[in-house]
PDB file of N, CA and C in Angstrom:
ATOM      1  N   UNK A   1      78.790   6.356 -79.786  1.00  0.00           N
ATOM      2  CA  UNK A   1      77.402   6.293 -79.441  1.00  0.00           C
ATOM      3  C   UNK A   1      77.285   6.237 -77.919  1.00  0.00           C
ATOM      4  N   UNK A   2      76.392   7.034 -77.381  1.00  0.00           N
ATOM      5  CA  UNK A   2      76.204   7.032 -75.933  1.00  0.00           C
ATOM      6  C   UNK A   2      74.788   6.558 -75.609  1.00  0.00           C
ATOM      7  N   UNK A   3      74.606   6.220 -74.388  1.00  0.00           N
ATOM      8  CA  UNK A   3      73.287   5.813 -73.934  1.00  0.00           C
ATOM      9  C   UNK A   3      73.114   6.296 -72.504  1.00  0.00           C
ATOM     10  N   UNK A   4      71.860   6.391 -72.092  1.00  0.00           N
ATOM     11  CA  UNK A   4      71.548   6.870 -70.753  1.00  0.00           C
ATOM     12  C   UNK A   4      71.040   5.701 -69.913  1.00  0.00           C
ATOM     13  N   UNK A   5      71.667   5.506 -68.786  1.00  0.00           N
ATOM     14  CA  UNK A   5      71.203   4.476 -67.859  1.00  0.00           C
ATOM     15  C   UNK A   5      70.008   5.001 -67.077  1.00  0.00           C
ATOM     16  N   UNK A   6      69.033   4.169 -66.887  1.00  0.00           N
ATOM     17  CA  UNK A   6      67.896   4.536 -66.054  1.00  0.00           C
ATOM     18  C   UNK A   6      68.300   4.405 -64.596  1.00  0.00           C
ATOM     19  N   UNK A   7      67.710   5.270 -63.750  1.00  0.00           N
ATOM     20  CA  UNK A   7      67.968   5.087 -62.323  1.00  0.00           C
ATOM     21  C   UNK A   7      67.105   3.928 -61.813  1.00  0.00           C
ATOM     22  N   UNK A   8      67.346   3.525 -60.603  1.00  0.00           N
ATOM     23  CA  UNK A   8      66.662   2.357 -60.034  1.00  0.00           C
ATOM     24  C   UNK A   8      65.148   2.513 -60.070  1.00  0.00           C
ATOM     25  N   UNK A   9      64.655   3.704 -59.722  1.00  0.00           N
ATOM     26  CA  UNK A   9      63.208   3.915 -59.706  1.00  0.00           C
ATOM     27  C   UNK A   9      62.620   3.749 -61.102  1.00  0.00           C
ATOM     28  N   UNK A  10      63.253   4.359 -62.091  1.00  0.00           N
ATOM     29  CA  UNK A  10      62.760   4.258 -63.468  1.00  0.00           C
ATOM     30  C   UNK A  10      62.825   2.820 -63.979  1.00  0.00           C
ATOM     31  N   UNK A  11      63.866   2.110 -63.622  1.00  0.00           N
ATOM     32  CA  UNK A  11      64.038   0.744 -64.094  1.00  0.00           C
ATOM     33  C   UNK A  11      62.886  -0.152 -63.635  1.00  0.00           C
ATOM     34  N   UNK A  12      62.381   0.088 -62.428  1.00  0.00           N
ATOM     35  CA  UNK A  12      61.303  -0.736 -61.891  1.00  0.00           C
ATOM     36  C   UNK A  12      59.928  -0.092 -62.037  1.00  0.00           C
ATOM     37  N   UNK A  13      59.848   1.039 -62.741  1.00  0.00           N
ATOM     38  CA  UNK A  13      58.565   1.656 -63.038  1.00  0.00           C
ATOM     39  C   UNK A  13      58.017   2.570 -61.961  1.00  0.00           C
ATOM     40  N   UNK A  14      58.862   3.049 -61.062  1.00  0.00           N
ATOM     41  CA  UNK A  14      58.411   3.958 -60.016  1.00  0.00           C
ATOM     42  C   UNK A  14      58.651   5.399 -60.428  1.00  0.00           C
ATOM     43  N   UNK A  15      57.855   6.306 -59.889  1.00  0.00           N
ATOM     44  CA  UNK A  15      58.009   7.724 -60.170  1.00  0.00           C
ATOM     45  C   UNK A  15      59.237   8.233 -59.430  1.00  0.00           C
ATOM     46  N   UNK A  16      60.227   8.706 -60.160  1.00  0.00           N
ATOM     47  CA  UNK A  16      61.496   9.126 -59.544  1.00  0.00           C
ATOM     48  C   UNK A  16      61.358  10.431 -58.775  1.00  0.00           C
ATOM     49  N   UNK A  17      60.344  11.249 -59.093  1.00  0.00           N
ATOM     50  CA  UNK A  17      60.175  12.523 -58.398  1.00  0.00           C
ATOM     51  C   UNK A  17      59.562  12.351 -57.013  1.00  0.00           C
ATOM     52  N   UNK A  18      58.732  11.344 -56.838  1.00  0.00           N
ATOM     53  CA  UNK A  18      58.040  11.153 -55.566  1.00  0.00           C
ATOM     54  C   UNK A  18      58.562   9.977 -54.751  1.00  0.00           C
ATOM     55  N   UNK A  19      59.267   9.058 -55.372  1.00  0.00           N
ATOM     56  CA  UNK A  19      59.816   7.913 -54.640  1.00  0.00           C
ATOM     57  C   UNK A  19      61.101   8.324 -53.941  1.00  0.00           C
ATOM     58  N   UNK A  20      61.352   7.707 -52.804  1.00  0.00           N
ATOM     59  CA  UNK A  20      62.610   7.930 -52.087  1.00  0.00           C
ATOM     60  C   UNK A  20      62.931   6.660 -51.295  1.00  0.00           C
ATOM     61  N   UNK A  21      63.892   6.723 -50.437  1.00  0.00           N
ATOM     62  CA  UNK A  21      64.281   5.542 -49.677  1.00  0.00           C
ATOM     63  C   UNK A  21      63.215   5.022 -48.735  1.00  0.00           C
ATOM     64  N   UNK A  22      62.229   5.863 -48.418  1.00  0.00           N
ATOM     65  CA  UNK A  22      61.182   5.470 -47.479  1.00  0.00           C
ATOM     66  C   UNK A  22      59.869   5.078 -48.143  1.00  0.00           C
ATOM     67  N   UNK A  23      59.705   5.422 -49.415  1.00  0.00           N
ATOM     68  CA  UNK A  23      58.435   5.108 -50.078  1.00  0.00           C
ATOM     69  C   UNK A  23      58.658   4.902 -51.569  1.00  0.00           C
ATOM     70  N   UNK A  24      57.799   4.078 -52.134  1.00  0.00           N
ATOM     71  CA  UNK A  24      57.786   3.848 -53.574  1.00  0.00           C
ATOM     72  C   UNK A  24      56.453   4.347 -54.112  1.00  0.00           C
ATOM     73  N   UNK A  25      56.524   5.121 -55.181  1.00  0.00           N
ATOM     74  CA  UNK A  25      55.332   5.701 -55.789  1.00  0.00           C
ATOM     75  C   UNK A  25      55.307   5.316 -57.260  1.00  0.00           C
ATOM     76  N   UNK A  26      54.170   4.828 -57.698  1.00  0.00           N
ATOM     77  CA  UNK A  26      53.993   4.498 -59.106  1.00  0.00           C
ATOM     78  C   UNK A  26      52.777   5.239 -59.639  1.00  0.00           C
ATOM     79  N   UNK A  27      52.810   5.571 -60.914  1.00  0.00           N
ATOM     80  CA  UNK A  27      51.672   6.219 -61.556  1.00  0.00           C
ATOM     81  C   UNK A  27      50.924   5.181 -62.373  1.00  0.00           C
ATOM     82  N   UNK A  28      49.600   5.224 -62.281  1.00  0.00           N
ATOM     83  CA  UNK A  28      48.798   4.269 -63.041  1.00  0.00           C
ATOM     84  C   UNK A  28      47.446   4.870 -63.355  1.00  0.00           C
ATOM     85  N   UNK A  29      46.734   4.230 -64.228  1.00  0.00           N
ATOM     86  CA  UNK A  29      45.389   4.661 -64.589  1.00  0.00           C
ATOM     87  C   UNK A  29      44.458   4.299 -63.438  1.00  0.00           C
ATOM     88  N   UNK A  30      43.855   5.322 -62.844  1.00  0.00           N
ATOM     89  CA  UNK A  30      42.885   5.133 -61.764  1.00  0.00           C
ATOM     90  C   UNK A  30      41.583   5.809 -62.183  1.00  0.00           C
ATOM     91  N   UNK A  31      40.473   5.488 -61.533  1.00  0.00           N
ATOM     92  CA  UNK A  31      39.225   6.184 -61.853  1.00  0.00           C
ATOM     93  C   UNK A  31      39.409   7.701 -61.732  1.00  0.00           C
ATOM     94  N   UNK A  32      38.650   8.434 -62.520  1.00  0.00           N
ATOM     95  CA  UNK A  32      38.809   9.888 -62.606  1.00  0.00           C
ATOM     96  C   UNK A  32      38.753  10.586 -61.244  1.00  0.00           C
ATOM     97  N   UNK A  33      37.905  10.099 -60.350  1.00  0.00           N
ATOM     98  CA  UNK A  33      37.743  10.754 -59.052  1.00  0.00           C
ATOM     99  C   UNK A  33      38.685  10.208 -57.976  1.00  0.00           C
ATOM    100  N   UNK A  34      39.618   9.346 -58.346  1.00  0.00           N
ATOM    101  CA  UNK A  34      40.591   8.793 -57.397  1.00  0.00           C
ATOM    102  C   UNK A  34      41.964   9.363 -57.726  1.00  0.00           C
ATOM    103  N   UNK A  35      42.514  10.131 -56.790  1.00  0.00           N
ATOM    104  CA  UNK A  35      43.839  10.725 -57.000  1.00  0.00           C
ATOM    105  C   UNK A  35      44.951   9.764 -56.620  1.00  0.00           C
ATOM    106  N   UNK A  36      44.720   8.956 -55.592  1.00  0.00           N
ATOM    107  CA  UNK A  36      45.758   8.045 -55.153  1.00  0.00           C
ATOM    108  C   UNK A  36      45.212   6.989 -54.222  1.00  0.00           C
ATOM    109  N   UNK A  37      46.034   5.972 -54.009  1.00  0.00           N
ATOM    110  CA  UNK A  37      45.697   4.893 -53.083  1.00  0.00           C
ATOM    111  C   UNK A  37      46.995   4.221 -52.680  1.00  0.00           C
ATOM    112  N   UNK A  38      46.917   3.440 -51.623  1.00  0.00           N
ATOM    113  CA  UNK A  38      48.095   2.691 -51.193  1.00  0.00           C
ATOM    114  C   UNK A  38      47.733   1.216 -51.211  1.00  0.00           C
ATOM    115  N   UNK A  39      48.604   0.397 -51.736  1.00  0.00           N
ATOM    116  CA  UNK A  39      48.284  -1.026 -51.785  1.00  0.00           C
ATOM    117  C   UNK A  39      48.778  -1.710 -50.506  1.00  0.00           C
ATOM    118  N   UNK A  40      48.365  -2.957 -50.253  1.00  0.00           N
ATOM    119  CA  UNK A  40      48.738  -3.624 -48.998  1.00  0.00           C
ATOM    120  C   UNK A  40      50.244  -3.782 -48.797  1.00  0.00           C
ATOM    121  N   UNK A  41      51.016  -3.678 -49.868  1.00  0.00           N
ATOM    122  CA  UNK A  41      52.474  -3.777 -49.753  1.00  0.00           C
ATOM    123  C   UNK A  41      53.124  -2.442 -49.429  1.00  0.00           C
ATOM    124  N   UNK A  42      52.324  -1.389 -49.295  1.00  0.00           N
ATOM    125  CA  UNK A  42      52.864  -0.079 -48.948  1.00  0.00           C
ATOM    126  C   UNK A  42      53.341   0.736 -50.137  1.00  0.00           C
ATOM    127  N   UNK A  43      52.984   0.335 -51.339  1.00  0.00           N
ATOM    128  CA  UNK A  43      53.352   1.107 -52.527  1.00  0.00           C
ATOM    129  C   UNK A  43      52.228   2.092 -52.827  1.00  0.00           C
ATOM    130  N   UNK A  44      52.589   3.360 -52.937  1.00  0.00           N
ATOM    131  CA  UNK A  44      51.619   4.407 -53.225  1.00  0.00           C
ATOM    132  C   UNK A  44      51.384   4.447 -54.728  1.00  0.00           C
ATOM    133  N   UNK A  45      50.124   4.407 -55.112  1.00  0.00           N
ATOM    134  CA  UNK A  45      49.741   4.475 -56.520  1.00  0.00           C
ATOM    135  C   UNK A  45      48.999   5.783 -56.732  1.00  0.00           C
ATOM    136  N   UNK A  46      49.473   6.599 -57.690  1.00  0.00           N
ATOM    137  CA  UNK A  46      48.802   7.866 -57.964  1.00  0.00           C
ATOM    138  C   UNK A  46      48.272   7.869 -59.390  1.00  0.00           C
ATOM    139  N   UNK A  47      47.207   8.633 -59.572  1.00  0.00           N
ATOM    140  CA  UNK A  47      46.551   8.729 -60.872  1.00  0.00           C
ATOM    141  C   UNK A  47      47.472   9.441 -61.852  1.00  0.00           C
ATOM    142  N   UNK A  48      47.797   8.801 -62.944  1.00  0.00           N
ATOM    143  CA  UNK A  48      48.729   9.376 -63.915  1.00  0.00           C
ATOM    144  C   UNK A  48      48.123  10.540 -64.682  1.00  0.00           C
ATOM    145  N   UNK A  49      46.804  10.723 -64.606  1.00  0.00           N
ATOM    146  CA  UNK A  49      46.122  11.748 -65.392  1.00  0.00           C
ATOM    147  C   UNK A  49      45.812  13.027 -64.623  1.00  0.00           C
ATOM    148  N   UNK A  50      46.330  13.187 -63.412  1.00  0.00           N
ATOM    149  CA  UNK A  50      46.064  14.410 -62.652  1.00  0.00           C
ATOM    150  C   UNK A  50      47.273  15.342 -62.730  1.00  0.00           C
ATOM    151  N   UNK A  51      47.078  16.585 -62.322  1.00  0.00           N
ATOM    152  CA  UNK A  51      48.145  17.586 -62.389  1.00  0.00           C
ATOM    153  C   UNK A  51      49.262  17.253 -61.405  1.00  0.00           C
ATOM    154  N   UNK A  52      50.426  17.823 -61.631  1.00  0.00           N
ATOM    155  CA  UNK A  52      51.554  17.610 -60.716  1.00  0.00           C
ATOM    156  C   UNK A  52      51.215  18.087 -59.309  1.00  0.00           C
ATOM    157  N   UNK A  53      50.473  19.185 -59.207  1.00  0.00           N
ATOM    158  CA  UNK A  53      50.068  19.705 -57.894  1.00  0.00           C
ATOM    159  C   UNK A  53      49.205  18.675 -57.160  1.00  0.00           C
ATOM    160  N   UNK A  54      48.251  18.085 -57.868  1.00  0.00           N
ATOM    161  CA  UNK A  54      47.388  17.080 -57.245  1.00  0.00           C
ATOM    162  C   UNK A  54      48.132  15.781 -56.970  1.00  0.00           C
ATOM    163  N   UNK A  55      49.120  15.450 -57.792  1.00  0.00           N
ATOM    164  CA  UNK A  55      49.949  14.277 -57.512  1.00  0.00           C
ATOM    165  C   UNK A  55      50.696  14.474 -56.196  1.00  0.00           C
ATOM    166  N   UNK A  56      51.222  15.664 -56.002  1.00  0.00           N
ATOM    167  CA  UNK A  56      51.947  15.972 -54.762  1.00  0.00           C
ATOM    168  C   UNK A  56      51.014  15.860 -53.559  1.00  0.00           C
ATOM    169  N   UNK A  57      49.790  16.383 -53.694  1.00  0.00           N
ATOM    170  CA  UNK A  57      48.802  16.297 -52.612  1.00  0.00           C
ATOM    171  C   UNK A  57      48.434  14.844 -52.326  1.00  0.00           C
ATOM    172  N   UNK A  58      48.257  14.057 -53.391  1.00  0.00           N
ATOM    173  CA  UNK A  58      47.892  12.644 -53.230  1.00  0.00           C
ATOM    174  C   UNK A  58      48.993  11.875 -52.513  1.00  0.00           C
ATOM    175  N   UNK A  59      50.247  12.126 -52.891  1.00  0.00           N
ATOM    176  CA  UNK A  59      51.369  11.436 -52.241  1.00  0.00           C
ATOM    177  C   UNK A  59      51.430  11.820 -50.766  1.00  0.00           C
ATOM    178  N   UNK A  60      51.241  13.100 -50.456  1.00  0.00           N
ATOM    179  CA  UNK A  60      51.269  13.540 -49.053  1.00  0.00           C
ATOM    180  C   UNK A  60      50.162  12.852 -48.254  1.00  0.00           C
ATOM    181  N   UNK A  61      48.976  12.745 -48.838  1.00  0.00           N
ATOM    182  CA  UNK A  61      47.855  12.092 -48.156  1.00  0.00           C
ATOM    183  C   UNK A  61      48.142  10.604 -47.945  1.00  0.00           C
ATOM    184  N   UNK A  62      48.602   9.935 -48.968  1.00  0.00           N
ATOM    185  CA  UNK A  62      48.878   8.502 -48.856  1.00  0.00           C
ATOM    186  C   UNK A  62      50.077   8.225 -47.956  1.00  0.00           C
ATOM    187  N   UNK A  63      50.986   9.187 -47.825  1.00  0.00           N
ATOM    188  CA  UNK A  63      52.131   9.037 -46.920  1.00  0.00           C
ATOM    189  C   UNK A  63      51.648   8.871 -45.481  1.00  0.00           C
ATOM    190  N   UNK A  64      50.564   9.559 -45.131  1.00  0.00           N
ATOM    191  CA  UNK A  64      49.989   9.402 -43.786  1.00  0.00           C
ATOM    192  C   UNK A  64      49.570   7.949 -43.577  1.00  0.00           C
ATOM    193  N   UNK A  65      48.928   7.358 -44.576  1.00  0.00           N
ATOM    194  CA  UNK A  65      48.510   5.957 -44.461  1.00  0.00           C
ATOM    195  C   UNK A  65      49.716   5.021 -44.443  1.00  0.00           C
ATOM    196  N   UNK A  66      50.745   5.343 -45.203  1.00  0.00           N
ATOM    197  CA  UNK A  66      51.971   4.544 -45.170  1.00  0.00           C
ATOM    198  C   UNK A  66      52.573   4.573 -43.767  1.00  0.00           C
ATOM    199  N   UNK A  67      52.587   5.742 -43.153  1.00  0.00           N
ATOM    200  CA  UNK A  67      53.085   5.853 -41.773  1.00  0.00           C
ATOM    201  C   UNK A  67      52.230   5.018 -40.826  1.00  0.00           C
ATOM    202  N   UNK A  68      50.897   5.075 -40.989  1.00  0.00           N
ATOM    203  CA  UNK A  68      50.004   4.277 -40.153  1.00  0.00           C
ATOM    204  C   UNK A  68      50.300   2.787 -40.327  1.00  0.00           C
ATOM    205  N   UNK A  69      50.558   2.370 -41.549  1.00  0.00           N
ATOM    206  CA  UNK A  69      50.869   0.961 -41.812  1.00  0.00           C
ATOM    207  C   UNK A  69      52.215   0.580 -41.201  1.00  0.00           C
ATOM    208  N   UNK A  70      53.210   1.438 -41.360  1.00  0.00           N
ATOM    209  CA  UNK A  70      54.542   1.154 -40.817  1.00  0.00           C
ATOM    210  C   UNK A  70      54.546   1.115 -39.295  1.00  0.00           C
ATOM    211  N   UNK A  71      53.643   1.870 -38.675  1.00  0.00           N
ATOM    212  CA  UNK A  71      53.533   1.892 -37.213  1.00  0.00           C
ATOM    213  C   UNK A  71      52.660   0.756 -36.689  1.00  0.00           C
ATOM    214  N   UNK A  72      52.096  -0.051 -37.577  1.00  0.00           N
ATOM    215  CA  UNK A  72      51.251  -1.167 -37.159  1.00  0.00           C
ATOM    216  C   UNK A  72      49.853  -0.755 -36.762  1.00  0.00           C
ATOM    217  N   UNK A  73      49.412   0.432 -37.186  1.00  0.00           N
ATOM    218  CA  UNK A  73      48.078   0.906 -36.817  1.00  0.00           C
ATOM    219  C   UNK A  73      47.037   0.663 -37.903  1.00  0.00           C
ATOM    220  N   UNK A  74      47.470   0.386 -39.133  1.00  0.00           N
ATOM    221  CA  UNK A  74      46.535   0.163 -40.235  1.00  0.00           C
ATOM    222  C   UNK A  74      47.057  -0.957 -41.126  1.00  0.00           C
ATOM    223  N   UNK A  75      46.158  -1.839 -41.479  1.00  0.00           N
ATOM    224  CA  UNK A  75      46.448  -2.841 -42.503  1.00  0.00           C
ATOM    225  C   UNK A  75      45.115  -3.306 -43.061  1.00  0.00           C
ATOM    226  N   UNK A  76      45.173  -3.939 -44.191  1.00  0.00           N
ATOM    227  CA  UNK A  76      43.940  -4.475 -44.774  1.00  0.00           C
ATOM    228  C   UNK A  76      44.252  -5.645 -45.680  1.00  0.00           C
ATOM    229  N   UNK A  77      43.216  -6.439 -45.901  1.00  0.00           N
ATOM    230  CA  UNK A  77      43.306  -7.559 -46.831  1.00  0.00           C
ATOM    231  C   UNK A  77      42.018  -7.561 -47.655  1.00  0.00           C
ATOM    232  N   UNK A  78      41.736  -8.642 -48.338  1.00  0.00           N
ATOM    233  CA  UNK A  78      40.548  -8.689 -49.199  1.00  0.00           C
ATOM    234  C   UNK A  78      39.245  -8.688 -48.402  1.00  0.00           C
ATOM    235  N   UNK A  79      39.309  -9.029 -47.123  1.00  0.00           N
ATOM    236  CA  UNK A  79      38.094  -9.160 -46.326  1.00  0.00           C
ATOM    237  C   UNK A  79      37.855  -8.025 -45.345  1.00  0.00           C
ATOM    238  N   UNK A  80      38.916  -7.506 -44.746  1.00  0.00           N
ATOM    239  CA  UNK A  80      38.767  -6.553 -43.647  1.00  0.00           C
ATOM    240  C   UNK A  80      39.827  -5.459 -43.663  1.00  0.00           C
ATOM    241  N   UNK A  81      39.479  -4.358 -42.999  1.00  0.00           N
ATOM    242  CA  UNK A  81      40.447  -3.333 -42.618  1.00  0.00           C
ATOM    243  C   UNK A  81      40.678  -3.505 -41.122  1.00  0.00           C
ATOM    244  N   UNK A  82      41.911  -3.320 -40.696  1.00  0.00           N
ATOM    245  CA  UNK A  82      42.280  -3.450 -39.286  1.00  0.00           C
ATOM    246  C   UNK A  82      42.923  -2.135 -38.881  1.00  0.00           C
ATOM    247  N   UNK A  83      42.329  -1.473 -37.891  1.00  0.00           N
ATOM    248  CA  UNK A  83      42.836  -0.157 -37.506  1.00  0.00           C
ATOM    249  C   UNK A  83      42.798  -0.005 -35.997  1.00  0.00           C
ATOM    250  N   UNK A  84      43.792   0.664 -35.482  1.00  0.00           N
ATOM    251  CA  UNK A  84      43.784   1.064 -34.077  1.00  0.00           C
ATOM    252  C   UNK A  84      44.397   2.450 -33.975  1.00  0.00           C
ATOM    253  N   UNK A  85      43.893   3.227 -33.037  1.00  0.00           N
ATOM    254  CA  UNK A  85      44.325   4.621 -32.929  1.00  0.00           C
ATOM    255  C   UNK A  85      45.734   4.749 -32.378  1.00  0.00           C
ATOM    256  N   UNK A  86      46.164   3.767 -31.589  1.00  0.00           N
ATOM    257  CA  UNK A  86      47.534   3.768 -31.065  1.00  0.00           C
ATOM    258  C   UNK A  86      48.005   2.320 -30.983  1.00  0.00           C
ATOM    259  N   UNK A  87      49.259   2.140 -30.687  1.00  0.00           N
ATOM    260  CA  UNK A  87      49.804   0.779 -30.624  1.00  0.00           C
ATOM    261  C   UNK A  87      49.303  -0.017 -29.429  1.00  0.00           C
ATOM    262  N   UNK A  88      48.651   0.638 -28.483  1.00  0.00           N
ATOM    263  CA  UNK A  88      48.126  -0.073 -27.316  1.00  0.00           C
ATOM    264  C   UNK A  88      46.601  -0.156 -27.322  1.00  0.00           C
ATOM    265  N   UNK A  89      45.939   0.507 -28.251  1.00  0.00           N
ATOM    266  CA  UNK A  89      44.479   0.459 -28.304  1.00  0.00           C
ATOM    267  C   UNK A  89      44.018  -0.827 -28.994  1.00  0.00           C
ATOM    268  N   UNK A  90      42.782  -1.241 -28.726  1.00  0.00           N
ATOM    269  CA  UNK A  90      42.281  -2.459 -29.371  1.00  0.00           C
ATOM    270  C   UNK A  90      42.140  -2.267 -30.884  1.00  0.00           C
ATOM    271  N   UNK A  91      42.282  -3.349 -31.610  1.00  0.00           N
ATOM    272  CA  UNK A  91      42.169  -3.306 -33.068  1.00  0.00           C
ATOM    273  C   UNK A  91      40.696  -3.326 -33.462  1.00  0.00           C
ATOM    274  N   UNK A  92      40.311  -2.372 -34.296  1.00  0.00           N
ATOM    275  CA  UNK A  92      38.972  -2.352 -34.870  1.00  0.00           C
ATOM    276  C   UNK A  92      39.026  -3.158 -36.169  1.00  0.00           C
ATOM    277  N   UNK A  93      38.141  -4.114 -36.303  1.00  0.00           N
ATOM    278  CA  UNK A  93      38.060  -4.906 -37.533  1.00  0.00           C
ATOM    279  C   UNK A  93      36.805  -4.463 -38.268  1.00  0.00           C
ATOM    280  N   UNK A  94      37.000  -3.934 -39.480  1.00  0.00           N
ATOM    281  CA  UNK A  94      35.882  -3.418 -40.262  1.00  0.00           C
ATOM    282  C   UNK A  94      35.833  -4.179 -41.585  1.00  0.00           C
ATOM    283  N   UNK A  95      34.739  -4.911 -41.833  1.00  0.00           N
ATOM    284  CA  UNK A  95      34.639  -5.665 -43.088  1.00  0.00           C
ATOM    285  C   UNK A  95      34.671  -4.741 -44.314  1.00  0.00           C
ATOM    286  N   UNK A  96      35.367  -5.168 -45.341  1.00  0.00           N
ATOM    287  CA  UNK A  96      35.461  -4.398 -46.582  1.00  0.00           C
ATOM    288  C   UNK A  96      34.070  -4.115 -47.143  1.00  0.00           C
ATOM    289  N   UNK A  97      33.166  -5.057 -46.982  1.00  0.00           N
ATOM    290  CA  UNK A  97      31.809  -4.905 -47.518  1.00  0.00           C
ATOM    291  C   UNK A  97      31.048  -3.744 -46.881  1.00  0.00           C
ATOM    292  N   UNK A  98      31.502  -3.260 -45.727  1.00  0.00           N
ATOM    293  CA  UNK A  98      30.829  -2.167 -45.029  1.00  0.00           C
ATOM    294  C   UNK A  98      31.520  -0.823 -45.238  1.00  0.00           C
ATOM    295  N   UNK A  99      32.517  -0.774 -46.121  1.00  0.00           N
ATOM    296  CA  UNK A  99      33.327   0.433 -46.265  1.00  0.00           C
ATOM    297  C   UNK A  99      33.151   1.062 -47.639  1.00  0.00           C
ATOM    298  N   UNK A 100      32.997   2.376 -47.624  1.00  0.00           N
ATOM    299  CA  UNK A 100      33.110   3.171 -48.842  1.00  0.00           C
ATOM    300  C   UNK A 100      34.477   3.836 -48.737  1.00  0.00           C
ATOM    301  N   UNK A 101      35.424   3.425 -49.563  1.00  0.00           N
ATOM    302  CA  UNK A 101      36.801   3.918 -49.430  1.00  0.00           C
ATOM    303  C   UNK A 101      36.930   5.411 -49.717  1.00  0.00           C
ATOM    304  N   UNK A 102      35.897   6.026 -50.258  1.00  0.00           N
ATOM    305  CA  UNK A 102      35.934   7.477 -50.507  1.00  0.00           C
ATOM    306  C   UNK A 102      35.403   8.273 -49.318  1.00  0.00           C
ATOM    307  N   UNK A 103      34.962   7.573 -48.287  1.00  0.00           N
ATOM    308  CA  UNK A 103      34.417   8.209 -47.088  1.00  0.00           C
ATOM    309  C   UNK A 103      35.547   8.815 -46.262  1.00  0.00           C
ATOM    310  N   UNK A 104      35.528  10.110 -46.083  1.00  0.00           N
ATOM    311  CA  UNK A 104      36.576  10.803 -45.315  1.00  0.00           C
ATOM    312  C   UNK A 104      36.341  10.711 -43.804  1.00  0.00           C
ATOM    313  N   UNK A 105      35.236  10.072 -43.382  1.00  0.00           N
ATOM    314  CA  UNK A 105      34.966   9.906 -41.954  1.00  0.00           C
ATOM    315  C   UNK A 105      35.460   8.571 -41.411  1.00  0.00           C
ATOM    316  N   UNK A 106      36.129   7.780 -42.227  1.00  0.00           N
ATOM    317  CA  UNK A 106      36.699   6.528 -41.733  1.00  0.00           C
ATOM    318  C   UNK A 106      37.756   6.847 -40.681  1.00  0.00           C
ATOM    319  N   UNK A 107      37.914   5.988 -39.681  1.00  0.00           N
ATOM    320  CA  UNK A 107      38.831   6.305 -38.573  1.00  0.00           C
ATOM    321  C   UNK A 107      40.244   6.671 -39.023  1.00  0.00           C
ATOM    322  N   UNK A 108      40.791   5.969 -40.000  1.00  0.00           N
ATOM    323  CA  UNK A 108      42.167   6.240 -40.437  1.00  0.00           C
ATOM    324  C   UNK A 108      42.262   7.470 -41.331  1.00  0.00           C
ATOM    325  N   UNK A 109      41.130   7.951 -41.857  1.00  0.00           N
ATOM    326  CA  UNK A 109      41.141   9.161 -42.685  1.00  0.00           C
ATOM    327  C   UNK A 109      41.143  10.429 -41.840  1.00  0.00           C
ATOM    328  N   UNK A 110      40.700  10.325 -40.611  1.00  0.00           N
ATOM    329  CA  UNK A 110      40.631  11.511 -39.751  1.00  0.00           C
ATOM    330  C   UNK A 110      42.005  12.080 -39.456  1.00  0.00           C
ATOM    331  N   UNK A 111      43.041  11.281 -39.606  1.00  0.00           N
ATOM    332  CA  UNK A 111      44.404  11.728 -39.307  1.00  0.00           C
ATOM    333  C   UNK A 111      45.191  12.062 -40.568  1.00  0.00           C
ATOM    334  N   UNK A 112      44.544  11.990 -41.733  1.00  0.00           N
ATOM    335  CA  UNK A 112      45.309  12.218 -42.973  1.00  0.00           C
ATOM    336  C   UNK A 112      44.921  13.502 -43.674  1.00  0.00           C
TER     337      UNK A 112
END
């Protein structure tokens, strides 16, 4: 009798096709109009119900935000988003209550 070992990504529930040493991607149920998002820990979450082509696009888009987070230019918590255009520019603090996360005119979306 043989058995198949899961790889590390599968064992922890990450998508093995999109995850790599630099990013972790998980598929989950998201609202129909949301293809992907990134959580505060830097894990990319993509909608499990979209096509593979759209999953690839969502990961590429969220990778930009992951890079912004890794560079210290973007972070957020339950109350605010914190963004700066460069590592030497002042930090913009934007309350979550004033943000529509689907707005493509947000400062950090202009680069993604």
